[in-house]
Amino acid sequence: MNLNRSTAMTLRAGIVLGMVLMVIGLLIESTGGDDTLLYTGMLVLIISPFLGVIVSFVSLLSEKDWIWAIVAGILIAITTTGILMSL
């Protein structure tokens, strides 16, 4: 698993999916429909960097790059704690 390629693909997929959902959501909302799809697209865009860190963490573990895996793990723990505290 290549670290750069896997992280870039995760981020790219998140951006494309989020933007597609937002465009469809805008079209639906402009015709008087619900705005749930629009907000789902925004949520995907917000979560994409976090998923990129998770993919990087797994890739770093598979490459046995322990120092950076620990850094990524700490970042995941801090972000998860922040998410849980905000609920």
PDB file of N, CA and C in Angstrom:
ATOM      1  N   MET A   1       0.846  -1.171   0.000  1.00  0.00           N
ATOM      2  CA  MET A   1       0.000   0.000   0.000  1.00  0.00           C
ATOM      3  C   MET A   1       0.893   1.236   0.000  1.00  0.00           C
ATOM      4  N   ASN A   2       0.788   2.037  -1.033  1.00  0.00           N
ATOM      5  CA  ASN A   2       1.582   3.251  -1.155  1.00  0.00           C
ATOM      6  C   ASN A   2       0.904   4.361  -0.365  1.00  0.00           C
ATOM      7  N   LEU A   3       1.637   4.969   0.559  1.00  0.00           N
ATOM      8  CA  LEU A   3       1.081   5.989   1.450  1.00  0.00           C
ATOM      9  C   LEU A   3       0.505   7.168   0.677  1.00  0.00           C
ATOM     10  N   ASN A   4       1.285   7.742  -0.209  1.00  0.00           N
ATOM     11  CA  ASN A   4       0.836   8.923  -0.942  1.00  0.00           C
ATOM     12  C   ASN A   4      -0.353   8.625  -1.841  1.00  0.00           C
ATOM     13  N   ARG A   5      -0.289   7.524  -2.546  1.00  0.00           N
ATOM     14  CA  ARG A   5      -1.363   7.175  -3.476  1.00  0.00           C
ATOM     15  C   ARG A   5      -2.666   6.874  -2.731  1.00  0.00           C
ATOM     16  N   SER A   6      -2.590   6.097  -1.663  1.00  0.00           N
ATOM     17  CA  SER A   6      -3.807   5.728  -0.938  1.00  0.00           C
ATOM     18  C   SER A   6      -4.435   6.936  -0.251  1.00  0.00           C
ATOM     19  N   THR A   7      -3.612   7.804   0.324  1.00  0.00           N
ATOM     20  CA  THR A   7      -4.148   9.002   0.963  1.00  0.00           C
ATOM     21  C   THR A   7      -4.753   9.942  -0.076  1.00  0.00           C
ATOM     22  N   ALA A   8      -4.067  10.133  -1.192  1.00  0.00           N
ATOM     23  CA  ALA A   8      -4.572  11.022  -2.242  1.00  0.00           C
ATOM     24  C   ALA A   8      -5.882  10.493  -2.818  1.00  0.00           C
ATOM     25  N   MET A   9      -5.978   9.188  -3.017  1.00  0.00           N
ATOM     26  CA  MET A   9      -7.209   8.617  -3.574  1.00  0.00           C
ATOM     27  C   MET A   9      -8.370   8.776  -2.598  1.00  0.00           C
ATOM     28  N   THR A  10      -8.094   8.609  -1.306  1.00  0.00           N
ATOM     29  CA  THR A  10      -9.137   8.794  -0.299  1.00  0.00           C
ATOM     30  C   THR A  10      -9.640  10.229  -0.295  1.00  0.00           C
ATOM     31  N   LEU A  11      -8.717  11.180  -0.298  1.00  0.00           N
ATOM     32  CA  LEU A  11      -9.111  12.589  -0.304  1.00  0.00           C
ATOM     33  C   LEU A  11      -9.839  12.966  -1.588  1.00  0.00           C
ATOM     34  N   ARG A  12      -9.343  12.474  -2.706  1.00  0.00           N
ATOM     35  CA  ARG A  12      -9.973  12.769  -3.996  1.00  0.00           C
ATOM     36  C   ARG A  12     -11.391  12.194  -4.053  1.00  0.00           C
ATOM     37  N   ALA A  13     -11.560  10.963  -3.582  1.00  0.00           N
ATOM     38  CA  ALA A  13     -12.885  10.344  -3.576  1.00  0.00           C
ATOM     39  C   ALA A  13     -13.842  11.114  -2.675  1.00  0.00           C
ATOM     40  N   GLY A  14     -13.339  11.579  -1.537  1.00  0.00           N
ATOM     41  CA  GLY A  14     -14.173  12.361  -0.632  1.00  0.00           C
ATOM     42  C   GLY A  14     -14.612  13.671  -1.245  1.00  0.00           C
ATOM     43  N   ILE A  15     -13.700  14.343  -1.936  1.00  0.00           N
ATOM     44  CA  ILE A  15     -14.045  15.611  -2.574  1.00  0.00           C
ATOM     45  C   ILE A  15     -15.071  15.393  -3.688  1.00  0.00           C
ATOM     46  N   VAL A  16     -14.824  14.392  -4.526  1.00  0.00           N
ATOM     47  CA  VAL A  16     -15.744  14.140  -5.639  1.00  0.00           C
ATOM     48  C   VAL A  16     -17.122  13.736  -5.118  1.00  0.00           C
ATOM     49  N   LEU A  17     -17.168  12.819  -4.166  1.00  0.00           N
ATOM     50  CA  LEU A  17     -18.449  12.376  -3.617  1.00  0.00           C
ATOM     51  C   LEU A  17     -19.177  13.526  -2.937  1.00  0.00           C
ATOM     52  N   GLY A  18     -18.451  14.300  -2.129  1.00  0.00           N
ATOM     53  CA  GLY A  18     -19.075  15.431  -1.443  1.00  0.00           C
ATOM     54  C   GLY A  18     -19.631  16.461  -2.412  1.00  0.00           C
ATOM     55  N   MET A  19     -18.866  16.776  -3.451  1.00  0.00           N
ATOM     56  CA  MET A  19     -19.329  17.771  -4.419  1.00  0.00           C
ATOM     57  C   MET A  19     -20.528  17.263  -5.228  1.00  0.00           C
ATOM     58  N   VAL A  20     -20.498  15.994  -5.608  1.00  0.00           N
ATOM     59  CA  VAL A  20     -21.633  15.427  -6.346  1.00  0.00           C
ATOM     60  C   VAL A  20     -22.890  15.474  -5.484  1.00  0.00           C
ATOM     61  N   LEU A  21     -22.760  15.081  -4.216  1.00  0.00           N
ATOM     62  CA  LEU A  21     -23.912  15.120  -3.314  1.00  0.00           C
ATOM     63  C   LEU A  21     -24.423  16.542  -3.129  1.00  0.00           C
ATOM     64  N   MET A  22     -23.503  17.501  -3.024  1.00  0.00           N
ATOM     65  CA  MET A  22     -23.920  18.887  -2.843  1.00  0.00           C
ATOM     66  C   MET A  22     -24.622  19.441  -4.081  1.00  0.00           C
ATOM     67  N   VAL A  23     -24.122  19.126  -5.264  1.00  0.00           N
ATOM     68  CA  VAL A  23     -24.757  19.608  -6.490  1.00  0.00           C
ATOM     69  C   VAL A  23     -26.147  19.005  -6.629  1.00  0.00           C
ATOM     70  N   ILE A  24     -26.267  17.710  -6.405  1.00  0.00           N
ATOM     71  CA  ILE A  24     -27.586  17.071  -6.477  1.00  0.00           C
ATOM     72  C   ILE A  24     -28.511  17.647  -5.400  1.00  0.00           C
ATOM     73  N   GLY A  25     -27.954  17.853  -4.199  1.00  0.00           N
ATOM     74  CA  GLY A  25     -28.746  18.438  -3.124  1.00  0.00           C
ATOM     75  C   GLY A  25     -29.210  19.847  -3.443  1.00  0.00           C
ATOM     76  N   LEU A  26     -28.346  20.641  -4.082  1.00  0.00           N
ATOM     77  CA  LEU A  26     -28.748  21.991  -4.491  1.00  0.00           C
ATOM     78  C   LEU A  26     -29.854  21.950  -5.532  1.00  0.00           C
ATOM     79  N   LEU A  27     -29.738  21.015  -6.472  1.00  0.00           N
ATOM     80  CA  LEU A  27     -30.776  20.883  -7.494  1.00  0.00           C
ATOM     81  C   LEU A  27     -32.114  20.475  -6.876  1.00  0.00           C
ATOM     82  N   ILE A  28     -32.065  19.546  -5.952  1.00  0.00           N
ATOM     83  CA  ILE A  28     -33.292  19.099  -5.288  1.00  0.00           C
ATOM     84  C   ILE A  28     -33.878  20.227  -4.438  1.00  0.00           C
ATOM     85  N   GLU A  29     -33.015  20.933  -3.713  1.00  0.00           N
ATOM     86  CA  GLU A  29     -33.503  22.020  -2.869  1.00  0.00           C
ATOM     87  C   GLU A  29     -34.088  23.166  -3.700  1.00  0.00           C
ATOM     88  N   SER A  30     -33.499  23.445  -4.856  1.00  0.00           N
ATOM     89  CA  SER A  30     -34.000  24.535  -5.694  1.00  0.00           C
ATOM     90  C   SER A  30     -35.379  24.242  -6.274  1.00  0.00           C
ATOM     91  N   THR A  31     -35.751  22.979  -6.326  1.00  0.00           N
ATOM     92  CA  THR A  31     -37.084  22.618  -6.811  1.00  0.00           C
ATOM     93  C   THR A  31     -38.072  22.445  -5.661  1.00  0.00           C
ATOM     94  N   GLY A  32     -37.659  22.873  -4.462  1.00  0.00           N
ATOM     95  CA  GLY A  32     -38.555  22.801  -3.311  1.00  0.00           C
ATOM     96  C   GLY A  32     -38.436  21.527  -2.506  1.00  0.00           C
ATOM     97  N   GLY A  33     -37.429  20.744  -2.784  1.00  0.00           N
ATOM     98  CA  GLY A  33     -37.252  19.480  -2.070  1.00  0.00           C
ATOM     99  C   GLY A  33     -36.484  19.646  -0.772  1.00  0.00           C
ATOM    100  N   ASP A  34     -36.168  18.529  -0.172  1.00  0.00           N
ATOM    101  CA  ASP A  34     -35.453  18.489   1.102  1.00  0.00           C
ATOM    102  C   ASP A  34     -33.975  18.824   0.899  1.00  0.00           C
ATOM    103  N   ASP A  35     -33.333  19.372   1.932  1.00  0.00           N
ATOM    104  CA  ASP A  35     -31.927  19.741   1.821  1.00  0.00           C
ATOM    105  C   ASP A  35     -30.997  18.729   2.493  1.00  0.00           C
ATOM    106  N   THR A  36     -31.485  17.529   2.769  1.00  0.00           N
ATOM    107  CA  THR A  36     -30.685  16.507   3.453  1.00  0.00           C
ATOM    108  C   THR A  36     -29.464  16.109   2.634  1.00  0.00           C
ATOM    109  N   LEU A  37     -29.621  15.949   1.356  1.00  0.00           N
ATOM    110  CA  LEU A  37     -28.496  15.542   0.498  1.00  0.00           C
ATOM    111  C   LEU A  37     -27.416  16.627   0.451  1.00  0.00           C
ATOM    112  N   LEU A  38     -27.830  17.873   0.489  1.00  0.00           N
ATOM    113  CA  LEU A  38     -26.873  18.980   0.513  1.00  0.00           C
ATOM    114  C   LEU A  38     -26.017  18.918   1.767  1.00  0.00           C
ATOM    115  N   TYR A  39     -26.667  18.718   2.916  1.00  0.00           N
ATOM    116  CA  TYR A  39     -25.918  18.640   4.171  1.00  0.00           C
ATOM    117  C   TYR A  39     -25.078  17.363   4.262  1.00  0.00           C
ATOM    118  N   THR A  40     -25.541  16.298   3.644  1.00  0.00           N
ATOM    119  CA  THR A  40     -24.742  15.069   3.602  1.00  0.00           C
ATOM    120  C   THR A  40     -23.451  15.303   2.818  1.00  0.00           C
ATOM    121  N   GLY A  41     -23.542  16.032   1.711  1.00  0.00           N
ATOM    122  CA  GLY A  41     -22.356  16.370   0.935  1.00  0.00           C
ATOM    123  C   GLY A  41     -21.372  17.204   1.728  1.00  0.00           C
ATOM    124  N   MET A  42     -21.883  18.149   2.510  1.00  0.00           N
ATOM    125  CA  MET A  42     -20.996  18.956   3.358  1.00  0.00           C
ATOM    126  C   MET A  42     -20.336  18.099   4.431  1.00  0.00           C
ATOM    127  N   LEU A  43     -21.095  17.167   4.990  1.00  0.00           N
ATOM    128  CA  LEU A  43     -20.529  16.266   5.998  1.00  0.00           C
ATOM    129  C   LEU A  43     -19.424  15.398   5.409  1.00  0.00           C
ATOM    130  N   VAL A  44     -19.619  14.916   4.188  1.00  0.00           N
ATOM    131  CA  VAL A  44     -18.591  14.114   3.520  1.00  0.00           C
ATOM    132  C   VAL A  44     -17.318  14.945   3.327  1.00  0.00           C
ATOM    133  N   LEU A  45     -17.473  16.209   2.934  1.00  0.00           N
ATOM    134  CA  LEU A  45     -16.306  17.079   2.754  1.00  0.00           C
ATOM    135  C   LEU A  45     -15.592  17.342   4.071  1.00  0.00           C
ATOM    136  N   ILE A  46     -16.330  17.438   5.159  1.00  0.00           N
ATOM    137  CA  ILE A  46     -15.724  17.669   6.470  1.00  0.00           C
ATOM    138  C   ILE A  46     -14.995  16.426   6.961  1.00  0.00           C
ATOM    139  N   ILE A  47     -15.564  15.250   6.708  1.00  0.00           N
ATOM    140  CA  ILE A  47     -15.001  13.992   7.223  1.00  0.00           C
ATOM    141  C   ILE A  47     -13.831  13.483   6.370  1.00  0.00           C
ATOM    142  N   SER A  48     -13.743  13.903   5.128  1.00  0.00           N
ATOM    143  CA  SER A  48     -12.711  13.392   4.212  1.00  0.00           C
ATOM    144  C   SER A  48     -11.278  13.506   4.749  1.00  0.00           C
ATOM    145  N   PRO A  49     -10.857  14.637   5.302  1.00  0.00           N
ATOM    146  CA  PRO A  49      -9.485  14.694   5.835  1.00  0.00           C
ATOM    147  C   PRO A  49      -9.241  13.711   6.982  1.00  0.00           C
ATOM    148  N   PHE A  50     -10.259  13.506   7.820  1.00  0.00           N
ATOM    149  CA  PHE A  50     -10.128  12.541   8.907  1.00  0.00           C
ATOM    150  C   PHE A  50      -9.949  11.132   8.363  1.00  0.00           C
ATOM    151  N   LEU A  51     -10.700  10.796   7.321  1.00  0.00           N
ATOM    152  CA  LEU A  51     -10.530   9.488   6.677  1.00  0.00           C
ATOM    153  C   LEU A  51      -9.156   9.365   6.028  1.00  0.00           C
ATOM    154  N   GLY A  52      -8.641  10.479   5.500  1.00  0.00           N
ATOM    155  CA  GLY A  52      -7.293  10.476   4.943  1.00  0.00           C
ATOM    156  C   GLY A  52      -6.245  10.146   5.987  1.00  0.00           C
ATOM    157  N   VAL A  53      -6.428  10.676   7.195  1.00  0.00           N
ATOM    158  CA  VAL A  53      -5.496  10.369   8.289  1.00  0.00           C
ATOM    159  C   VAL A  53      -5.603   8.899   8.680  1.00  0.00           C
ATOM    160  N   ILE A  54      -6.802   8.369   8.701  1.00  0.00           N
ATOM    161  CA  ILE A  54      -6.981   6.950   9.042  1.00  0.00           C
ATOM    162  C   ILE A  54      -6.302   6.063   8.002  1.00  0.00           C
ATOM    163  N   VAL A  55      -6.476   6.386   6.729  1.00  0.00           N
ATOM    164  CA  VAL A  55      -5.831   5.615   5.660  1.00  0.00           C
ATOM    165  C   VAL A  55      -4.314   5.733   5.771  1.00  0.00           C
ATOM    166  N   SER A  56      -3.817   6.918   6.075  1.00  0.00           N
ATOM    167  CA  SER A  56      -2.371   7.109   6.258  1.00  0.00           C
ATOM    168  C   SER A  56      -1.872   6.283   7.431  1.00  0.00           C
ATOM    169  N   PHE A  57      -2.632   6.253   8.516  1.00  0.00           N
ATOM    170  CA  PHE A  57      -2.258   5.469   9.693  1.00  0.00           C
ATOM    171  C   PHE A  57      -2.120   3.989   9.348  1.00  0.00           C
ATOM    172  N   VAL A  58      -3.098   3.459   8.637  1.00  0.00           N
ATOM    173  CA  VAL A  58      -3.047   2.042   8.243  1.00  0.00           C
ATOM    174  C   VAL A  58      -1.861   1.793   7.317  1.00  0.00           C
ATOM    175  N   SER A  59      -1.632   2.703   6.389  1.00  0.00           N
ATOM    176  CA  SER A  59      -0.510   2.563   5.464  1.00  0.00           C
ATOM    177  C   SER A  59       0.824   2.624   6.199  1.00  0.00           C
ATOM    178  N   LEU A  60       0.934   3.534   7.150  1.00  0.00           N
ATOM    179  CA  LEU A  60       2.168   3.644   7.930  1.00  0.00           C
ATOM    180  C   LEU A  60       2.408   2.395   8.773  1.00  0.00           C
ATOM    181  N   LEU A  61       1.349   1.829   9.311  1.00  0.00           N
ATOM    182  CA  LEU A  61       1.503   0.578  10.061  1.00  0.00           C
ATOM    183  C   LEU A  61       1.980  -0.547   9.156  1.00  0.00           C
ATOM    184  N   SER A  62       1.424  -0.622   7.942  1.00  0.00           N
ATOM    185  CA  SER A  62       1.831  -1.692   7.031  1.00  0.00           C
ATOM    186  C   SER A  62       3.274  -1.512   6.556  1.00  0.00           C
ATOM    187  N   GLU A  63       3.739  -0.249   6.497  1.00  0.00           N
ATOM    188  CA  GLU A  63       5.122   0.028   6.117  1.00  0.00           C
ATOM    189  C   GLU A  63       6.075  -0.036   7.313  1.00  0.00           C
ATOM    190  N   LYS A  64       5.516  -0.254   8.498  1.00  0.00           N
ATOM    191  CA  LYS A  64       6.277  -0.332   9.753  1.00  0.00           C
ATOM    192  C   LYS A  64       7.047   0.954  10.037  1.00  0.00           C
ATOM    193  N   ASP A  65       6.429   2.064   9.701  1.00  0.00           N
ATOM    194  CA  ASP A  65       6.984   3.375  10.021  1.00  0.00           C
ATOM    195  C   ASP A  65       6.356   3.808  11.346  1.00  0.00           C
ATOM    196  N   TRP A  66       6.921   3.300  12.433  1.00  0.00           N
ATOM    197  CA  TRP A  66       6.299   3.392  13.742  1.00  0.00           C
ATOM    198  C   TRP A  66       6.175   4.837  14.251  1.00  0.00           C
ATOM    199  N   ILE A  67       7.175   5.651  14.030  1.00  0.00           N
ATOM    200  CA  ILE A  67       7.138   7.023  14.543  1.00  0.00           C
ATOM    201  C   ILE A  67       5.960   7.784  13.948  1.00  0.00           C
ATOM    202  N   TRP A  68       5.833   7.769  12.627  1.00  0.00           N
ATOM    203  CA  TRP A  68       4.747   8.509  11.988  1.00  0.00           C
ATOM    204  C   TRP A  68       3.402   7.842  12.215  1.00  0.00           C
ATOM    205  N   ALA A  69       3.390   6.530  12.411  1.00  0.00           N
ATOM    206  CA  ALA A  69       2.142   5.845  12.753  1.00  0.00           C
ATOM    207  C   ALA A  69       1.651   6.300  14.121  1.00  0.00           C
ATOM    208  N   ILE A  70       2.580   6.492  15.050  1.00  0.00           N
ATOM    209  CA  ILE A  70       2.212   6.997  16.378  1.00  0.00           C
ATOM    210  C   ILE A  70       1.659   8.416  16.264  1.00  0.00           C
ATOM    211  N   VAL A  71       2.310   9.246  15.451  1.00  0.00           N
ATOM    212  CA  VAL A  71       1.833  10.621  15.253  1.00  0.00           C
ATOM    213  C   VAL A  71       0.419  10.607  14.663  1.00  0.00           C
ATOM    214  N   ALA A  72       0.198   9.781  13.649  1.00  0.00           N
ATOM    215  CA  ALA A  72      -1.128   9.686  13.045  1.00  0.00           C
ATOM    216  C   ALA A  72      -2.141   9.133  14.044  1.00  0.00           C
ATOM    217  N   GLY A  73      -1.728   8.177  14.854  1.00  0.00           N
ATOM    218  CA  GLY A  73      -2.615   7.632  15.883  1.00  0.00           C
ATOM    219  C   GLY A  73      -3.007   8.669  16.919  1.00  0.00           C
ATOM    220  N   ILE A  74      -2.051   9.504  17.311  1.00  0.00           N
ATOM    221  CA  ILE A  74      -2.356  10.582  18.249  1.00  0.00           C
ATOM    222  C   ILE A  74      -3.334  11.568  17.625  1.00  0.00           C
ATOM    223  N   LEU A  75      -3.119  11.898  16.358  1.00  0.00           N
ATOM    224  CA  LEU A  75      -4.024  12.805  15.658  1.00  0.00           C
ATOM    225  C   LEU A  75      -5.430  12.219  15.569  1.00  0.00           C
ATOM    226  N   ILE A  76      -5.530  10.931  15.314  1.00  0.00           N
ATOM    227  CA  ILE A  76      -6.835  10.266  15.278  1.00  0.00           C
ATOM    228  C   ILE A  76      -7.490  10.322  16.650  1.00  0.00           C
ATOM    229  N   ALA A  77      -6.718  10.069  17.704  1.00  0.00           N
ATOM    230  CA  ALA A  77      -7.264  10.098  19.065  1.00  0.00           C
ATOM    231  C   ALA A  77      -7.754  11.498  19.437  1.00  0.00           C
ATOM    232  N   ILE A  78      -6.974  12.517  19.102  1.00  0.00           N
ATOM    233  CA  ILE A  78      -7.373  13.898  19.418  1.00  0.00           C
ATOM    234  C   ILE A  78      -8.633  14.279  18.652  1.00  0.00           C
ATOM    235  N   THR A  79      -8.677  13.945  17.372  1.00  0.00           N
ATOM    236  CA  THR A  79      -9.846  14.280  16.563  1.00  0.00           C
ATOM    237  C   THR A  79     -11.083  13.535  17.040  1.00  0.00           C
ATOM    238  N   THR A  80     -10.926  12.261  17.353  1.00  0.00           N
ATOM    239  CA  THR A  80     -12.060  11.470  17.851  1.00  0.00           C
ATOM    240  C   THR A  80     -12.558  12.030  19.172  1.00  0.00           C
ATOM    241  N   THR A  81     -11.645  12.408  20.054  1.00  0.00           N
ATOM    242  CA  THR A  81     -12.040  13.001  21.327  1.00  0.00           C
ATOM    243  C   THR A  81     -12.810  14.292  21.104  1.00  0.00           C
ATOM    244  N   GLY A  82     -12.337  15.111  20.187  1.00  0.00           N
ATOM    245  CA  GLY A  82     -13.040  16.356  19.874  1.00  0.00           C
ATOM    246  C   GLY A  82     -14.434  16.110  19.323  1.00  0.00           C
ATOM    247  N   ILE A  83     -14.552  15.113  18.449  1.00  0.00           N
ATOM    248  CA  ILE A  83     -15.860  14.783  17.879  1.00  0.00           C
ATOM    249  C   ILE A  83     -16.810  14.303  18.984  1.00  0.00           C
ATOM    250  N   LEU A  84     -16.326  13.420  19.845  1.00  0.00           N
ATOM    251  CA  LEU A  84     -17.175  12.888  20.918  1.00  0.00           C
ATOM    252  C   LEU A  84     -17.557  13.967  21.908  1.00  0.00           C
ATOM    253  N   MET A  85     -16.657  14.896  22.195  1.00  0.00           N
ATOM    254  CA  MET A  85     -16.975  15.970  23.137  1.00  0.00           C
ATOM    255  C   MET A  85     -17.993  16.950  22.552  1.00  0.00           C
ATOM    256  N   SER A  86     -18.036  17.055  21.240  1.00  0.00           N
ATOM    257  CA  SER A  86     -18.966  17.999  20.623  1.00  0.00           C
ATOM    258  C   SER A  86     -20.379  17.442  20.498  1.00  0.00           C
ATOM    259  N   LEU A  87     -20.542  16.159  20.742  1.00  0.00           N
ATOM    260  CA  LEU A  87     -21.892  15.557  20.626  1.00  0.00           C
ATOM    261  C   LEU A  87     -22.776  15.900  21.788  1.00  0.00           C
TER     262      LEU A  87
END
